[in-house]
Each structure stands twice: as C-alpha cells, then as structure tokens.
C-alpha cells in the first residue's frame, strides 16, 4: 500500500504554447489541480519552491488556499530552500496553513539546489555565520524551526503587555500540534539522509542525488533510504518515519500521451554536475503503455522501499491533462503494483 500524490514545479512562461502564461495562471491552476486530484482519490498535492524564477516561490498562501478548498488530500512542499527562510516567521506561516487545512500539511524542506542567481539568500538578508557555509546555514535554520515547532515557551513576556498573557514563557502562535512530526527533509546525499533521521524528520528523495557509487540511480536511492531507516532505528524515535520518492511516470493511454511522451529520450539515467564539486545522477523517466510500465516500475528498487510516491506533473499542459495523467496511474498502474 502506497500513498500517491503529485509534485508540481509550477512553471509559467508567456509562450503561446503554455497553459500557464502568468504567475496567476500557475497559482490558480495549482489549486484546481489539487481539488481535482482529491476527487480522483490521490493522496497528496505537493509543490516545489524556487526563488528568482518563473515558478512557485511563496508556498504558504497557496497551501492555505488549497487547504480551504479541499478536505482530505495531504498538502505539502518538495522542497522549501532553508537558506532563504526565517525559521520563526516560517513556523507561524506553517502553523496557520496547517490549521486552515485541518492538520494536513506535509512540509518538505532542504538545503536547496543551485538557484537562478548568485547567493540569492543574501538578497533575503541571510548570510552564513563565521565558520559556516551556506549548507550549514540551512541546517541551522532547520534546527531552529524544528525546535520552535515543539510548541514550548521560550520568550520572556513583557510585564506591561498590550493584551493579557498566559503564565510562563511565550511560544510562537498559532501553534499546530503534531506539525513537528510532519516535517520532511529533501536529502541529496546519504549523509544528509542520516542527519535527517537523527533529527526525526521524514525523508524526501527526488529524481536526483549525489552520485556516490556509480550505480544506477534507483539502486543508489534505495541504499540511501535503507541508510536513513537504519539511522532512524538507531536514534530510537517512537514513531515510524515516512519516505517519499519522486518520479516522472506517464501511462500512454491515448494519442495525446503518445504525442507528448511517446518518444521520450529520458528513459535512462544521466549524470551531470550541480556545481564544480558535486557530481549528481538524475533518474530516468517512465513512459509506456500500462502493462510495460508496470513491468518497468517493478524493477525500481527505490520505489519499492518508499511508502509515498510523488508523480512529477507537466503543469504547463493544464489542469485537465494533468488530472488525466494522475488518473491513468491511479486506475491502470497502481492496482497492479499493489499500491491500492
């Protein structure tokens, strides 16, 4: 049994061929797609966050809007770049969005990937402390966020406040009970997956990771998940963790599918460099008729290891087509894989 959701990067472009030509198009269609996915029986609606780009960037208004228009589906991110975040303000925004949605928020965060501008987080007012690099800064922001999400008081109250205070130290409000256990870390390496396990975060593993062994992507990702689960067990956490993987999977059901994805050239892994030091491996896409697709997916070790599958969707092709993509997997692939 697996949870199956979608992951949208929220692209837009003024091109006449795009179904999302403005930021408003992308935001409003994201809400509509989440509503449609819930009606189809999908388990999650997740969104990628990028700054200085024609993509989704400020997730909490979007998540709150989706939470207000849906009743069951999980809503989340995959991922928010913590280099850019004030963890205190983020805790308030996340708490509000979680309460609006009835505690359905699944918040994916990470160190982030290469961005559109040089050191973009500096424009947001953040800089590594002495002895830190930008990755250290992201992890420091994360640890602060995790701490305040526990809901314990830490701030000394004003003896002459504008409004009466409860007794003791004050915490950030609104506080949403249980949100701390619904924080996910997007890990690009085995080491950061282990770090996330020690801190009690769930694991998100995307369609790329550091190429640490030269093995096929799905094998490396499966090893990452196993290392994470082992570290989780060694840390002695009381609950069971969740693990998601992302995949581009398209069932070729009609002429539209074959036109868009039937001649896909992304049917094998590829290797590249995220920066001058980091060699990364990018996982393949899957596009085939359902029977062939099922046979291919059964060979993917990382999908077998995860409990949640996020389907990356081509959001610029519009809500109706993306709903069709999701429905095709839910109806024609998931049952045969034992996911439903």
Protein backbone atom coordinates (compact mmCIF):
# COMPACT_ATOMS: atom_id res chain seq x y z
CA UNK A 1 0.00 0.00 0.00
CA UNK A 2 1.45 3.38 -1.01
CA UNK A 3 0.31 6.94 -0.84
CA UNK A 4 0.38 8.55 -4.29
CA UNK A 5 0.47 12.29 -4.82
CA UNK A 6 1.64 14.76 -7.42
CA UNK A 7 4.54 17.19 -7.36
CA UNK A 8 4.35 20.40 -9.41
CA UNK A 9 7.21 22.80 -10.09
CA UNK A 10 4.69 25.49 -11.04
CA UNK A 11 6.37 26.72 -14.22
CA UNK A 12 4.92 29.54 -16.26
CA UNK A 13 6.03 31.29 -19.44
CA UNK A 14 4.38 33.81 -21.77
CA UNK A 15 4.79 31.38 -24.69
CA UNK A 16 1.55 30.78 -26.64
CA UNK A 17 2.16 27.04 -26.26
CA UNK A 18 1.99 27.24 -22.46
CA UNK A 19 -1.18 26.68 -20.48
CA UNK A 20 0.29 28.81 -17.70
CA UNK A 21 1.40 32.16 -19.07
CA UNK A 22 1.39 34.12 -15.82
CA UNK A 23 2.02 33.61 -12.12
CA UNK A 24 -1.74 33.93 -11.56
CA UNK A 25 -2.38 31.09 -14.04
CA UNK A 26 0.02 28.81 -12.18
CA UNK A 27 -1.32 29.62 -8.71
CA UNK A 28 -4.99 29.27 -9.60
CA UNK A 29 -4.44 26.11 -11.65
CA UNK A 30 -2.43 24.62 -8.79
CA UNK A 31 -5.47 25.00 -6.56
CA UNK A 32 -7.75 23.49 -9.22
CA UNK A 33 -5.41 20.55 -9.77
CA UNK A 34 -5.29 19.80 -6.05
CA UNK A 35 -9.10 19.79 -5.93
CA UNK A 36 -9.25 17.51 -9.00
CA UNK A 37 -6.59 15.17 -7.56
CA UNK A 38 -8.57 14.82 -4.34
CA UNK A 39 -11.70 13.95 -6.31
CA UNK A 40 -9.72 11.29 -8.20
CA UNK A 41 -8.54 9.73 -4.93
CA UNK A 42 -4.92 10.90 -4.91
CA UNK A 43 -3.29 11.25 -1.52
CA UNK A 44 -1.16 14.37 -1.86
CA UNK A 45 -0.63 17.70 -3.62
CA UNK A 46 2.98 18.88 -3.35
CA UNK A 47 4.75 21.92 -4.77
CA UNK A 48 8.37 22.82 -5.46
CA UNK A 49 9.70 26.19 -4.32
CA UNK A 50 12.22 28.26 -6.33
CA UNK A 51 13.19 31.91 -5.97
CA UNK A 52 14.02 34.41 -8.73
CA UNK A 53 12.32 32.13 -11.25
CA UNK A 54 9.04 31.86 -13.15
CA UNK A 55 7.95 29.12 -10.79
CA UNK A 56 6.17 28.82 -7.46
CA UNK A 57 8.05 30.61 -4.72
CA UNK A 58 5.89 31.58 -1.70
CA UNK A 59 4.18 28.33 -0.70
CA UNK A 60 2.08 29.19 2.33
CA UNK A 61 -0.64 31.31 0.70
CA UNK A 62 -1.05 28.57 -1.91
CA UNK A 63 -1.12 25.77 0.66
CA UNK A 64 -3.63 27.63 2.80
CA UNK A 65 -5.88 28.23 -0.21
CA UNK A 66 -5.74 24.55 -1.16
CA UNK A 67 -6.39 23.58 2.44
CA UNK A 68 -9.52 25.75 2.48
CA UNK A 69 -10.88 24.19 -0.75
CA UNK A 70 -10.15 20.52 0.00
CA UNK A 71 -10.98 18.17 2.85
CA UNK A 72 -8.79 15.08 2.70
CA UNK A 73 -5.73 15.37 0.47
CA UNK A 74 -2.32 15.98 2.04
CA UNK A 75 -0.78 19.30 1.03
CA UNK A 76 2.94 19.84 1.04
CA UNK A 77 6.17 21.10 -0.42
CA UNK A 78 9.05 19.36 -2.07
CA UNK A 79 11.06 21.36 -1.07
CA UNK A 80 11.48 24.78 0.58
CA UNK A 81 15.07 26.05 0.46
CA UNK A 82 16.01 26.78 4.08
CA UNK A 83 18.85 29.11 3.09
CA UNK A 84 16.15 31.69 2.33
CA UNK A 85 13.97 31.20 5.40
CA UNK A 86 13.42 33.00 8.68
CA UNK A 87 12.52 29.93 10.77
CA UNK A 88 10.44 31.93 13.28
CA UNK A 89 8.22 33.55 10.66
CA UNK A 90 8.10 30.26 8.78
CA UNK A 91 6.81 28.47 11.88
CA UNK A 92 3.93 30.97 12.13
CA UNK A 93 3.05 30.65 8.43
CA UNK A 94 3.25 26.86 8.57
CA UNK A 95 1.14 26.70 11.72
CA UNK A 96 -1.55 28.85 10.14
CA UNK A 97 -1.63 26.82 6.89
CA UNK A 98 -1.75 23.58 8.87
CA UNK A 99 -4.69 24.72 11.00
CA UNK A 100 -6.60 26.00 7.96
CA UNK A 101 -6.18 22.61 6.29
CA UNK A 102 -7.17 20.61 9.34
CA UNK A 103 -3.59 19.47 10.05
CA UNK A 104 -2.90 18.03 6.58
CA UNK A 105 0.37 19.89 5.97
CA UNK A 106 3.42 17.79 5.00
CA UNK A 107 6.27 20.29 4.89
CA UNK A 108 9.29 19.33 2.80
CA UNK A 109 12.38 21.43 3.44
CA UNK A 110 16.02 21.19 2.40
CA UNK A 111 19.33 22.91 1.87
CA UNK A 112 18.12 23.68 -1.63
CA UNK A 113 19.56 23.29 -5.10
CA UNK A 114 21.54 25.68 -7.34
CA UNK A 115 19.39 28.77 -7.85
CA UNK A 116 18.82 31.33 -10.59
CA UNK A 117 21.06 34.00 -9.08
CA UNK A 118 24.36 34.04 -7.22
CA UNK A 119 23.88 33.68 -3.45
CA UNK A 120 20.22 34.61 -3.71
CA UNK A 121 19.71 34.11 0.01
CA UNK A 122 21.86 37.20 0.63
CA UNK A 123 19.16 39.31 -1.02
CA UNK A 124 16.77 37.94 1.59
CA UNK A 125 19.06 39.19 4.35
CA UNK A 126 20.79 35.93 5.30
CA UNK A 127 24.47 35.07 5.41
CA UNK A 128 26.44 32.20 6.93
CA UNK A 129 27.92 32.85 10.34
CA UNK A 130 31.67 32.76 10.86
CA UNK A 131 32.90 29.25 10.15
CA UNK A 132 29.70 28.26 8.33
CA UNK A 133 28.95 27.66 4.67
CA UNK A 134 25.52 28.06 3.09
CA UNK A 135 24.64 24.42 3.75
CA UNK A 136 25.47 24.85 7.43
CA UNK A 137 23.25 27.94 7.49
CA UNK A 138 20.34 25.98 6.01
CA UNK A 139 20.72 23.25 8.61
CA UNK A 140 20.95 25.85 11.40
CA UNK A 141 17.71 27.45 10.21
CA UNK A 142 16.17 23.98 10.11
CA UNK A 143 17.15 23.15 13.68
CA UNK A 144 15.61 26.41 14.91
CA UNK A 145 12.38 25.63 13.03
CA UNK A 146 12.19 22.14 14.48
CA UNK A 147 12.77 23.48 17.97
CA UNK A 148 10.04 26.14 17.88
CA UNK A 149 7.54 23.71 16.29
CA UNK A 150 7.61 21.74 19.54
CA UNK A 151 5.37 24.43 20.94
CA UNK A 152 7.33 25.11 24.10
CA UNK A 153 7.57 28.63 25.51
CA UNK A 154 10.93 30.38 25.14
CA UNK A 155 10.29 34.17 25.06
CA UNK A 156 10.12 36.27 28.22
CA UNK A 157 6.78 38.14 28.35
CA UNK A 158 6.53 41.90 28.60
CA UNK A 159 5.50 42.86 32.16
CA UNK A 160 3.17 45.51 30.68
CA UNK A 161 1.73 43.81 27.57
CA UNK A 162 -0.94 45.24 25.31
CA UNK A 163 -3.05 42.12 25.95
CA UNK A 164 -3.00 39.69 28.91
CA UNK A 165 -0.50 36.84 28.59
CA UNK A 166 -0.85 33.26 29.76
CA UNK A 167 1.55 32.34 32.57
CA UNK A 168 5.17 31.44 31.83
CA UNK A 169 7.33 31.88 28.78
CA UNK A 170 5.57 32.52 25.47
CA UNK A 171 5.70 30.44 22.29
CA UNK A 172 5.02 31.37 18.68
CA UNK A 173 1.39 31.39 17.63
CA UNK A 174 -0.51 29.90 16.01
CA UNK A 175 0.88 26.56 17.13
CA UNK A 176 -0.38 23.45 15.35
CA UNK A 177 0.01 20.30 17.40
CA UNK A 178 1.69 17.47 15.50
CA UNK A 179 3.24 19.56 12.72
CA UNK A 180 6.73 18.83 14.06
CA UNK A 181 6.24 15.19 13.05
CA UNK A 182 5.19 16.17 9.53
CA UNK A 183 8.44 17.86 8.54
CA UNK A 184 10.39 16.16 5.72
CA UNK A 185 13.99 16.68 4.67
CA UNK A 186 14.90 16.56 0.99
CA UNK A 187 18.21 14.70 1.06
CA UNK A 188 20.65 14.81 -1.83
CA UNK A 189 23.19 12.52 -0.22
CA UNK A 190 23.31 9.53 2.09
CA UNK A 191 24.91 11.63 4.83
CA UNK A 192 22.14 14.23 4.89
CA UNK A 193 19.53 11.46 4.92
CA UNK A 194 21.17 10.04 8.04
CA UNK A 195 21.29 13.54 9.58
CA UNK A 196 17.56 13.95 8.91
CA UNK A 197 16.82 10.62 10.56
CA UNK A 198 18.70 11.60 13.70
CA UNK A 199 16.61 14.79 13.97
CA UNK A 200 13.35 12.90 13.49
CA UNK A 201 12.37 14.26 10.08
CA UNK A 202 10.68 12.23 7.36
CA UNK A 203 12.66 11.72 4.14
CA UNK A 204 12.03 13.08 0.67
CA UNK A 205 14.28 11.80 -2.10
CA UNK A 206 13.79 13.34 -5.52
CA UNK A 207 14.78 12.43 -9.07
CA UNK A 208 18.40 13.40 -8.48
CA UNK A 209 21.03 12.73 -5.82
CA UNK A 210 24.76 12.84 -5.39
CA UNK A 211 26.40 10.12 -7.48
CA UNK A 212 28.16 8.33 -4.64
CA UNK A 213 28.78 4.85 -6.07
CA UNK A 214 28.35 4.98 -9.86
CA UNK A 215 25.45 2.52 -9.65
CA UNK A 216 22.07 3.09 -11.34
CA UNK A 217 20.01 5.86 -9.76
CA UNK A 218 17.28 3.68 -8.28
CA UNK A 219 19.84 1.44 -6.58
CA UNK A 220 21.69 4.38 -5.05
CA UNK A 221 18.40 5.89 -3.91
CA UNK A 222 17.30 2.60 -2.36
CA UNK A 223 20.58 2.43 -0.43
CA UNK A 224 20.02 6.00 0.75
CA UNK A 225 16.58 5.03 2.08
CA UNK A 226 17.96 1.97 3.87
CA UNK A 227 20.71 4.06 5.49
CA UNK A 228 18.06 6.54 6.61
CA UNK A 229 15.85 3.83 8.13
CA UNK A 230 18.82 2.31 9.95
CA UNK A 231 19.78 5.70 11.40
CA UNK A 232 16.17 6.27 12.42
CA UNK A 233 16.06 2.98 14.29
CA UNK A 234 19.39 3.70 15.99
CA UNK A 235 18.10 7.11 17.11
CA UNK A 236 15.28 5.38 18.97
CA UNK A 237 12.38 7.51 17.72
CA UNK A 238 8.99 6.28 18.93
CA UNK A 239 7.09 6.64 15.66
CA UNK A 240 7.65 5.14 12.22
CA UNK A 241 9.08 7.53 9.60
CA UNK A 242 7.70 8.22 6.16
CA UNK A 243 9.75 8.17 2.97
CA UNK A 244 8.80 9.58 -0.42
CA UNK A 245 10.42 9.34 -3.83
CA UNK A 246 9.59 11.43 -6.89
CA UNK A 247 9.22 10.04 -10.39
CA UNK A 248 8.14 11.19 -13.84
CA UNK A 249 5.71 8.42 -14.83
CA UNK A 250 3.33 8.61 -17.77
CA UNK A 251 0.92 5.89 -18.87
CA UNK A 252 0.43 6.12 -22.62
CA UNK A 253 -3.36 5.83 -22.84
CA UNK A 254 -4.25 7.95 -25.89
CA UNK A 255 -2.85 9.98 -28.77
CA UNK A 256 -2.18 12.99 -26.53
CA UNK A 257 0.02 10.91 -24.24
CA UNK A 258 1.91 9.43 -27.16
CA UNK A 259 2.37 12.88 -28.71
CA UNK A 260 3.75 14.39 -25.50
CA UNK A 261 5.73 11.47 -24.08
CA UNK A 262 5.72 8.55 -26.51
CA UNK A 263 9.14 9.41 -27.92
CA UNK A 264 10.72 10.42 -24.62
CA UNK A 265 14.52 10.35 -24.62
CA UNK A 266 14.74 10.35 -20.82
CA UNK A 267 14.40 6.59 -20.43
CA UNK A 268 17.83 6.17 -18.87
CA UNK A 269 19.75 7.81 -16.04
CA UNK A 270 22.03 10.74 -16.76
CA UNK A 271 24.99 12.19 -14.89
CA UNK A 272 25.97 15.85 -14.56
CA UNK A 273 27.48 18.37 -12.18
CA UNK A 274 25.36 20.59 -9.92
CA UNK A 275 28.46 22.70 -9.25
CA UNK A 276 32.20 22.34 -9.67
CA UNK A 277 32.37 19.78 -6.85
CA UNK A 278 29.10 17.85 -6.90
CA UNK A 279 28.61 15.05 -9.40
CA UNK A 280 24.92 14.14 -9.49
CA UNK A 281 22.90 11.36 -11.04
CA UNK A 282 19.47 12.11 -12.49
CA UNK A 283 16.90 9.34 -12.53
CA UNK A 284 15.14 8.22 -15.68
CA UNK A 285 11.55 8.98 -16.66
CA UNK A 286 8.97 6.28 -17.36
CA UNK A 287 6.56 6.48 -20.31
CA UNK A 288 4.88 3.39 -21.77
CA UNK A 289 1.61 1.53 -22.11
CA UNK A 290 0.36 0.37 -18.68
CA UNK A 291 1.46 -3.27 -19.00
CA UNK A 292 5.00 -2.33 -19.99
CA UNK A 293 5.07 0.46 -17.45
CA UNK A 294 4.15 -1.90 -14.62
CA UNK A 295 6.97 -4.27 -15.59
CA UNK A 296 9.48 -1.40 -15.62
CA UNK A 297 8.36 0.04 -12.29
CA UNK A 298 8.62 -3.34 -10.57
CA UNK A 299 12.36 -3.18 -11.21
CA UNK A 300 12.74 0.18 -9.44
CA UNK A 301 14.23 -0.66 -6.02
CA UNK A 302 13.72 2.80 -4.53
CA UNK A 303 10.01 2.88 -5.32
CA UNK A 304 9.72 -0.46 -3.55
CA UNK A 305 11.49 0.96 -0.47
CA UNK A 306 9.35 4.12 -0.19
CA UNK A 307 5.86 4.43 1.26
CA UNK A 308 4.92 7.55 -0.73
CA UNK A 309 5.26 8.18 -4.47
CA UNK A 310 5.12 11.72 -5.87
CA UNK A 311 4.32 11.97 -9.57
CA UNK A 312 6.00 14.98 -11.18
CA UNK A 313 3.44 16.62 -13.44
CA UNK A 314 3.85 18.88 -16.50
CA UNK A 315 1.82 21.74 -15.05
CA UNK A 316 2.06 23.88 -18.21
CA UNK A 317 -0.15 21.38 -20.04
CA UNK A 318 -3.16 22.43 -17.97
CA UNK A 319 -5.38 21.07 -15.23
CA UNK A 320 -7.46 18.69 -17.36
CA UNK A 321 -4.47 16.96 -18.88
CA UNK A 322 -2.63 16.66 -15.58
CA UNK A 323 -5.73 15.22 -13.94
CA UNK A 324 -5.76 12.66 -16.76
CA UNK A 325 -2.09 11.82 -16.07
CA UNK A 326 -2.82 11.25 -12.38
CA UNK A 327 -5.99 9.27 -13.03
CA UNK A 328 -4.21 6.98 -15.50
CA UNK A 329 -1.67 5.97 -12.87
CA UNK A 330 -4.25 5.56 -10.12
CA UNK A 331 -6.56 3.40 -12.25
CA UNK A 332 -4.28 1.44 -14.57
CA UNK A 333 -0.93 1.14 -12.82
CA UNK A 334 -1.28 1.47 -9.05
CA UNK A 335 -3.59 -1.54 -8.51
CA UNK A 336 -1.31 -3.91 -10.43
CA UNK A 337 1.67 -2.67 -8.40
CA UNK A 338 -0.13 -3.40 -5.14
CA UNK A 339 -0.27 0.32 -4.32
CA UNK A 340 -4.04 0.35 -3.99
